[in-house]
C-alpha atoms as a PDB file:
ATOM      1  CA  MET A   1      58.135 -37.319  -1.877  1.00  0.00           C
ATOM      2  CA  LYS A   2      61.254 -37.198  -3.920  1.00  0.00           C
ATOM      3  CA  ASN A   3      64.461 -38.628  -2.468  1.00  0.00           C
ATOM      4  CA  GLY A   4      62.820 -39.061   0.947  1.00  0.00           C
ATOM      5  CA  HIS A   5      62.250 -35.314   1.265  1.00  0.00           C
ATOM      6  CA  ARG A   6      58.857 -34.028   1.586  1.00  0.00           C
ATOM      7  CA  GLN A   7      57.996 -31.515  -1.325  1.00  0.00           C
ATOM      8  CA  LEU A   8      56.610 -28.253  -0.081  1.00  0.00           C
ATOM      9  CA  SER A   9      53.884 -26.931  -2.177  1.00  0.00           C
ATOM     10  CA  SER A  10      54.687 -23.487  -3.480  1.00  0.00           C
ATOM     11  CA  PRO A  11      52.407 -20.734  -2.368  1.00  0.00           C
ATOM     12  CA  PRO A  12      49.766 -19.543  -4.642  1.00  0.00           C
ATOM     13  CA  ARG A  13      50.565 -16.745  -6.869  1.00  0.00           C
ATOM     14  CA  PHE A  14      48.584 -13.561  -6.830  1.00  0.00           C
ATOM     15  CA  GLY A  15      47.563 -13.952 -10.434  1.00  0.00           C
ATOM     16  CA  ASP A  16      46.172 -17.384  -9.715  1.00  0.00           C
ATOM     17  CA  ILE A  17      44.050 -15.994  -6.783  1.00  0.00           C
ATOM     18  CA  LEU A  18      42.713 -13.209  -8.993  1.00  0.00           C
ATOM     19  CA  SER A  19      41.744 -15.640 -11.799  1.00  0.00           C
ATOM     20  CA  SER A  20      40.040 -17.966  -9.516  1.00  0.00           C
ATOM     21  CA  MET A  21      37.922 -15.099  -8.163  1.00  0.00           C
ATOM     22  CA  ASN A  22      36.929 -13.711 -11.511  1.00  0.00           C
ATOM     23  CA  GLY A  23      33.513 -15.599 -11.216  1.00  0.00           C
ATOM     24  CA  LEU A  24      32.945 -14.010  -7.674  1.00  0.00           C
ATOM     25  CA  PRO A  25      31.948 -10.450  -8.937  1.00  0.00           C
ATOM     26  CA  ASP A  26      29.690 -11.874 -11.374  1.00  0.00           C
ATOM     27  CA  ALA A  27      27.952 -13.872  -8.804  1.00  0.00           C
ATOM     28  CA  LEU A  28      27.914 -10.999  -6.256  1.00  0.00           C
ATOM     29  CA  ALA A  29      26.507  -8.796  -8.995  1.00  0.00           C
ATOM     30  CA  VAL A  30      23.624 -11.334  -9.817  1.00  0.00           C
ATOM     31  CA  LEU A  31      22.991 -11.600  -6.088  1.00  0.00           C
ATOM     32  CA  SER A  32      22.871  -8.101  -5.418  1.00  0.00           C
ATOM     33  CA  ALA A  33      20.555  -7.631  -8.500  1.00  0.00           C
ATOM     34  CA  MET A  34      18.203 -10.175  -7.244  1.00  0.00           C
ATOM     35  CA  ILE A  35      18.081  -8.647  -3.732  1.00  0.00           C
ATOM     36  CA  THR A  36      17.311  -5.146  -4.957  1.00  0.00           C
ATOM     37  CA  PRO A  37      13.680  -5.955  -5.705  1.00  0.00           C
ATOM     38  CA  ALA A  38      13.512  -7.029  -1.988  1.00  0.00           C
ATOM     39  CA  VAL A  39      13.410  -3.300  -1.029  1.00  0.00           C
ATOM     40  CA  LEU A  40      10.291  -2.826  -3.266  1.00  0.00           C
ATOM     41  CA  ILE A  41       8.712  -6.141  -2.064  1.00  0.00           C
ATOM     42  CA  SER A  42       9.141  -4.870   1.547  1.00  0.00           C
ATOM     43  CA  GLY A  43       7.649  -1.460   0.603  1.00  0.00           C
ATOM     44  CA  CYS A  44       4.701  -3.224  -1.213  1.00  0.00           C
ATOM     45  CA  GLY A  45       4.188  -5.486   1.980  1.00  0.00           C
ATOM     46  CA  SER A  46       3.831  -2.340   4.168  1.00  0.00           C
ATOM     47  CA  LEU A  47       1.464  -0.648   1.880  1.00  0.00           C
ATOM     48  CA  ILE A  48      -0.579  -3.976   1.772  1.00  0.00           C
ATOM     49  CA  MET A  49      -0.687  -4.136   5.466  1.00  0.00           C
ATOM     50  CA  ALA A  50      -1.794  -0.542   5.758  1.00  0.00           C
ATOM     51  CA  THR A  51      -4.237  -0.582   2.924  1.00  0.00           C
ATOM     52  CA  SER A  52      -5.844  -3.787   4.363  1.00  0.00           C
ATOM     53  CA  GLY A  53      -6.438  -1.807   7.686  1.00  0.00           C
ATOM     54  CA  ARG A  54      -7.836   1.105   6.042  1.00  0.00           C
ATOM     55  CA  LEU A  55     -10.151  -1.145   3.880  1.00  0.00           C
ATOM     56  CA  ASN A  56     -11.298  -2.959   6.944  1.00  0.00           C
ATOM     57  CA  ARG A  57     -12.237   0.452   8.743  1.00  0.00           C
ATOM     58  CA  ALA A  58     -13.932   1.776   5.643  1.00  0.00           C
ATOM     59  CA  VAL A  59     -16.087  -1.422   5.479  1.00  0.00           C
ATOM     60  CA  ASP A  60     -16.882  -1.368   9.165  1.00  0.00           C
ATOM     61  CA  ARG A  61     -17.914   2.355   8.725  1.00  0.00           C
ATOM     62  CA  THR A  62     -20.093   1.545   5.715  1.00  0.00           C
ATOM     63  CA  ARG A  63     -21.875  -1.158   7.749  1.00  0.00           C
ATOM     64  CA  GLU A  64     -22.250   1.164  10.596  1.00  0.00           C
ATOM     65  CA  ILE A  65     -23.754   3.875   8.324  1.00  0.00           C
ATOM     66  CA  SER A  66     -26.055   1.384   6.496  1.00  0.00           C
ATOM     67  CA  ARG A  67     -27.460   0.055   9.782  1.00  0.00           C
ATOM     68  CA  ARG A  68     -28.134   3.662  11.167  1.00  0.00           C
ATOM     69  CA  PHE A  69     -29.761   4.576   7.683  1.00  0.00           C
ATOM     70  CA  ALA A  70     -31.874   1.422   7.988  1.00  0.00           C
ATOM     71  CA  GLU A  71     -33.036   2.421  11.415  1.00  0.00           C
ATOM     72  CA  LEU A  72     -34.051   5.823  10.208  1.00  0.00           C
ATOM     73  CA  ALA A  73     -35.900   4.551   7.175  1.00  0.00           C
ATOM     74  CA  GLN A  74     -38.118   2.549   9.607  1.00  0.00           C
ATOM     75  CA  THR A  75     -39.148   5.659  11.502  1.00  0.00           C
ATOM     76  CA  ALA A  76     -41.858   7.911  10.214  1.00  0.00           C
ATOM     77  CA  SER A  77     -40.540   9.766   7.140  1.00  0.00           C
ATOM     78  CA  ALA A  78     -42.840  12.896   8.250  1.00  0.00           C
ATOM     79  CA  GLU A  79     -40.521  13.641  11.066  1.00  0.00           C
ATOM     80  CA  GLU A  80     -38.438  16.827  10.056  1.00  0.00           C
ATOM     81  CA  ALA A  81     -35.924  16.190  12.883  1.00  0.00           C
ATOM     82  CA  ILE A  82     -34.389  13.058  11.233  1.00  0.00           C
ATOM     83  CA  GLU A  83     -34.309  14.359   7.671  1.00  0.00           C
ATOM     84  CA  PRO A  84     -30.914  16.158   8.060  1.00  0.00           C
ATOM     85  CA  GLU A  85     -29.296  13.093   9.629  1.00  0.00           C
ATOM     86  CA  ARG A  86     -30.886  10.946   6.884  1.00  0.00           C
ATOM     87  CA  LYS A  87     -29.081  13.323   4.317  1.00  0.00           C
ATOM     88  CA  MET A  88     -25.956  13.194   6.084  1.00  0.00           C
ATOM     89  CA  LEU A  89     -25.903   9.430   6.422  1.00  0.00           C
ATOM     90  CA  PHE A  90     -26.653   8.985   2.677  1.00  0.00           C
ATOM     91  CA  SER A  91     -23.798  11.249   1.907  1.00  0.00           C
ATOM     92  CA  GLN A  92     -21.447   9.374   4.154  1.00  0.00           C
ATOM     93  CA  LEU A  93     -22.731   6.095   2.647  1.00  0.00           C
ATOM     94  CA  HIS A  94     -21.683   7.430  -0.704  1.00  0.00           C
ATOM     95  CA  PHE A  95     -18.274   8.454   0.636  1.00  0.00           C
ATOM     96  CA  SER A  96     -17.649   5.229   2.495  1.00  0.00           C
ATOM     97  CA  THR A  97     -18.626   3.129  -0.562  1.00  0.00           C
ATOM     98  CA  ASN A  98     -16.252   5.122  -2.878  1.00  0.00           C
ATOM     99  CA  ARG A  99     -13.480   4.587  -0.243  1.00  0.00           C
ATOM    100  CA  SER A 100     -13.948   0.959  -0.097  1.00  0.00           C
ATOM    101  CA  ARG A 101     -13.918   0.650  -3.872  1.00  0.00           C
ATOM    102  CA  MET A 102     -10.778   2.671  -4.165  1.00  0.00           C
ATOM    103  CA  LEU A 103      -8.873   0.801  -1.496  1.00  0.00           C
ATOM    104  CA  GLN A 104      -9.949  -2.517  -2.991  1.00  0.00           C
ATOM    105  CA  ARG A 105      -8.555  -1.592  -6.276  1.00  0.00           C
ATOM    106  CA  ALA A 106      -5.364  -0.265  -4.614  1.00  0.00           C
ATOM    107  CA  LEU A 107      -4.963  -3.400  -2.610  1.00  0.00           C
ATOM    108  CA  SER A 108      -5.288  -5.424  -5.825  1.00  0.00           C
ATOM    109  CA  ARG A 109      -2.646  -3.468  -7.634  1.00  0.00           C
ATOM    110  CA  LEU A 110      -0.305  -3.802  -4.683  1.00  0.00           C
ATOM    111  CA  TYR A 111      -0.669  -7.561  -4.744  1.00  0.00           C
ATOM    112  CA  TRP A 112       0.105  -7.639  -8.555  1.00  0.00           C
ATOM    113  CA  ALA A 113       3.072  -5.243  -7.892  1.00  0.00           C
ATOM    114  CA  LEU A 114       4.494  -7.516  -5.033  1.00  0.00           C
ATOM    115  CA  GLY A 115       4.032 -10.547  -7.608  1.00  0.00           C
ATOM    116  CA  LEU A 116       5.902  -8.751 -10.340  1.00  0.00           C
ATOM    117  CA  PHE A 117       8.790  -7.754  -7.939  1.00  0.00           C
ATOM    118  CA  VAL A 118       9.162 -11.255  -6.848  1.00  0.00           C
ATOM    119  CA  ALA A 119       9.053 -12.493 -10.663  1.00  0.00           C
ATOM    120  CA  THR A 120      11.676  -9.645 -11.245  1.00  0.00           C
ATOM    121  CA  SER A 121      13.994 -11.306  -8.627  1.00  0.00           C
ATOM    122  CA  VAL A 122      13.613 -14.788  -9.969  1.00  0.00           C
ATOM    123  CA  ALA A 123      13.957 -13.492 -13.635  1.00  0.00           C
ATOM    124  CA  ILE A 124      17.194 -11.949 -12.721  1.00  0.00           C
ATOM    125  CA  GLY A 125      18.584 -15.150 -11.277  1.00  0.00           C
ATOM    126  CA  ILE A 126      17.310 -17.161 -14.281  1.00  0.00           C
ATOM    127  CA  VAL A 127      18.833 -14.898 -16.853  1.00  0.00           C
ATOM    128  CA  ALA A 128      22.259 -14.931 -14.993  1.00  0.00           C
ATOM    129  CA  VAL A 129      22.520 -18.670 -15.334  1.00  0.00           C
ATOM    130  CA  SER A 130      21.005 -18.848 -18.854  1.00  0.00           C
ATOM    131  CA  SER A 131      21.176 -16.771 -21.855  1.00  0.00           C
ATOM    132  CA  ARG A 132      21.748 -13.096 -21.412  1.00  0.00           C
ATOM    133  CA  GLN A 133      19.584 -12.441 -24.490  1.00  0.00           C
ATOM    134  CA  TYR A 134      16.513 -12.549 -22.098  1.00  0.00           C
ATOM    135  CA  ALA A 135      17.886  -9.750 -19.908  1.00  0.00           C
ATOM    136  CA  TRP A 136      14.818  -7.569 -20.865  1.00  0.00           C
ATOM    137  CA  ILE A 137      12.470  -9.817 -19.000  1.00  0.00           C
ATOM    138  CA  PRO A 138      13.360  -8.926 -15.434  1.00  0.00           C
ATOM    139  CA  LEU A 139      13.411  -5.226 -16.660  1.00  0.00           C
ATOM    140  CA  VAL A 140       9.716  -5.557 -17.934  1.00  0.00           C
ATOM    141  CA  PHE A 141       8.699  -7.277 -14.671  1.00  0.00           C
ATOM    142  CA  GLY A 142      10.387  -4.670 -12.656  1.00  0.00           C
ATOM    143  CA  LEU A 143       8.939  -1.661 -14.600  1.00  0.00           C
ATOM    144  CA  ALA A 144       5.352  -3.120 -14.641  1.00  0.00           C
ATOM    145  CA  GLY A 145       5.645  -3.605 -10.776  1.00  0.00           C
ATOM    146  CA  ALA A 146       6.854  -0.083 -10.407  1.00  0.00           C
ATOM    147  CA  GLY A 147       3.840   1.122 -12.639  1.00  0.00           C
ATOM    148  CA  LEU A 148       1.367  -0.788 -10.597  1.00  0.00           C
ATOM    149  CA  LEU A 149       2.994   0.664  -7.230  1.00  0.00           C
ATOM    150  CA  LEU A 150       2.710   4.075  -8.731  1.00  0.00           C
ATOM    151  CA  TYR A 151      -0.982   3.597  -9.728  1.00  0.00           C
ATOM    152  CA  ALA A 152      -1.660   2.059  -6.287  1.00  0.00           C
ATOM    153  CA  SER A 153      -0.232   5.145  -4.617  1.00  0.00           C
ATOM    154  CA  MET A 154      -2.278   7.495  -6.674  1.00  0.00           C
ATOM    155  CA  LEU A 155      -5.432   5.509  -5.558  1.00  0.00           C
ATOM    156  CA  LEU A 156      -4.461   5.774  -1.947  1.00  0.00           C
ATOM    157  CA  VAL A 157      -3.960   9.484  -2.394  1.00  0.00           C
ATOM    158  CA  ARG A 158      -7.435   9.774  -4.018  1.00  0.00           C
ATOM    159  CA  GLU A 159      -9.012   7.567  -1.232  1.00  0.00           C
ATOM    160  CA  SER A 160      -7.413   9.705   1.424  1.00  0.00           C
ATOM    161  CA  ARG A 161      -8.921  12.879  -0.058  1.00  0.00           C
ATOM    162  CA  VAL A 162     -12.249  11.325  -0.089  1.00  0.00           C
ATOM    163  CA  ALA A 163     -11.906  10.165   3.455  1.00  0.00           C
ATOM    164  CA  LEU A 164     -11.095  13.848   4.387  1.00  0.00           C
ATOM    165  CA  ALA A 165     -14.165  15.058   2.616  1.00  0.00           C
ATOM    166  CA  ALA A 166     -16.296  12.496   4.359  1.00  0.00           C
ATOM    167  CA  LEU A 167     -14.884  13.603   7.693  1.00  0.00           C
ATOM    168  CA  ASP A 168     -15.441  17.328   6.848  1.00  0.00           C
ATOM    169  CA  ALA A 169     -18.999  16.669   5.855  1.00  0.00           C
ATOM    170  CA  GLU A 170     -19.749  14.658   9.091  1.00  0.00           C
ATOM    171  CA  MET A 171     -18.125  17.227  11.214  1.00  0.00           C
ATOM    172  CA  ASP A 172     -20.056  19.943   9.594  1.00  0.00           C
ATOM    173  CA  PHE A 173     -23.328  18.050  10.455  1.00  0.00           C
ATOM    174  CA  VAL A 174     -22.209  17.381  14.071  1.00  0.00           C
ATOM    175  CA  TRP A 175     -21.491  21.178  14.444  1.00  0.00           C
ATOM    176  CA  GLN A 176     -24.919  22.206  12.928  1.00  0.00           C
ATOM    177  CA  LEU A 177     -26.693  19.620  15.349  1.00  0.00           C
ATOM    178  CA  GLY A 178     -24.653  20.713  18.113  1.00  0.00           C
ATOM    179  CA  ARG A 179     -25.549  24.490  17.602  1.00  0.00           C
ATOM    180  CA  SER A 180     -29.205  23.494  17.386  1.00  0.00           C
ATOM    181  CA  HIS A 181     -29.110  21.511  20.659  1.00  0.00           C
ATOM    182  CA  ALA A 182     -26.704  23.774  22.641  1.00  0.00           C
ATOM    183  CA  THR A 183     -27.685  26.204  25.301  1.00  0.00           C
ATOM    184  CA  PRO A 184     -27.266  29.839  24.628  1.00  0.00           C
ATOM    185  CA  GLU A 185     -24.439  29.930  27.229  1.00  0.00           C
ATOM    186  CA  LEU A 186     -22.418  27.079  25.329  1.00  0.00           C
ATOM    187  CA  LEU A 187     -23.120  29.150  21.960  1.00  0.00           C
ATOM    188  CA  GLU A 188     -21.754  32.253  23.487  1.00  0.00           C
ATOM    189  CA  LEU A 189     -18.738  30.520  24.949  1.00  0.00           C
ATOM    190  CA  HIS A 190     -17.883  28.968  21.456  1.00  0.00           C
ATOM    191  CA  ARG A 191     -18.406  32.374  19.765  1.00  0.00           C
ATOM    192  CA  ARG A 192     -15.902  33.904  22.254  1.00  0.00           C
ATOM    193  CA  ARG A 193     -13.325  31.188  21.679  1.00  0.00           C
ATOM    194  CA  ARG A 194     -13.438  31.743  17.877  1.00  0.00           C
END
């Protein structure tokens, strides 16, 4: 207060406002860059959940086939009636085992990719507050995570082809078995429908 009058503060100038906000775009850019890997993290999480479910089903199927195969192994091996089923079960056991191994490898790669995407996000934040000379670190993490995600996706495509081949082989066996046990009327009905 000068001379008993209250001094009014002058309104901020536009230039002062802009200069105080200079750090804001940089902070927003860093935050945006740190959040970008979150999309990939979310995608990896979804793939991990789906792959875990597929792996559980493949393992259950392997156990089911193994039990049935063991039951057949205990019966007389001279029975010709069970030999086709034994061959089919052995083939299914092979398919199911391969699927389980591929799914486990894919799941492992997805977990590694997830970890690398989280590391990318953290590294972006650390590089932003420290020296920019290490800006290559988040790039390496991000590229490694994307590479693992691609590899896991290729494994999942291969696994789905093995699953389809296993299903086709089992359906062929069921059709052959059905034809051998079907009545002539059912066979004729099926022939007309085709």
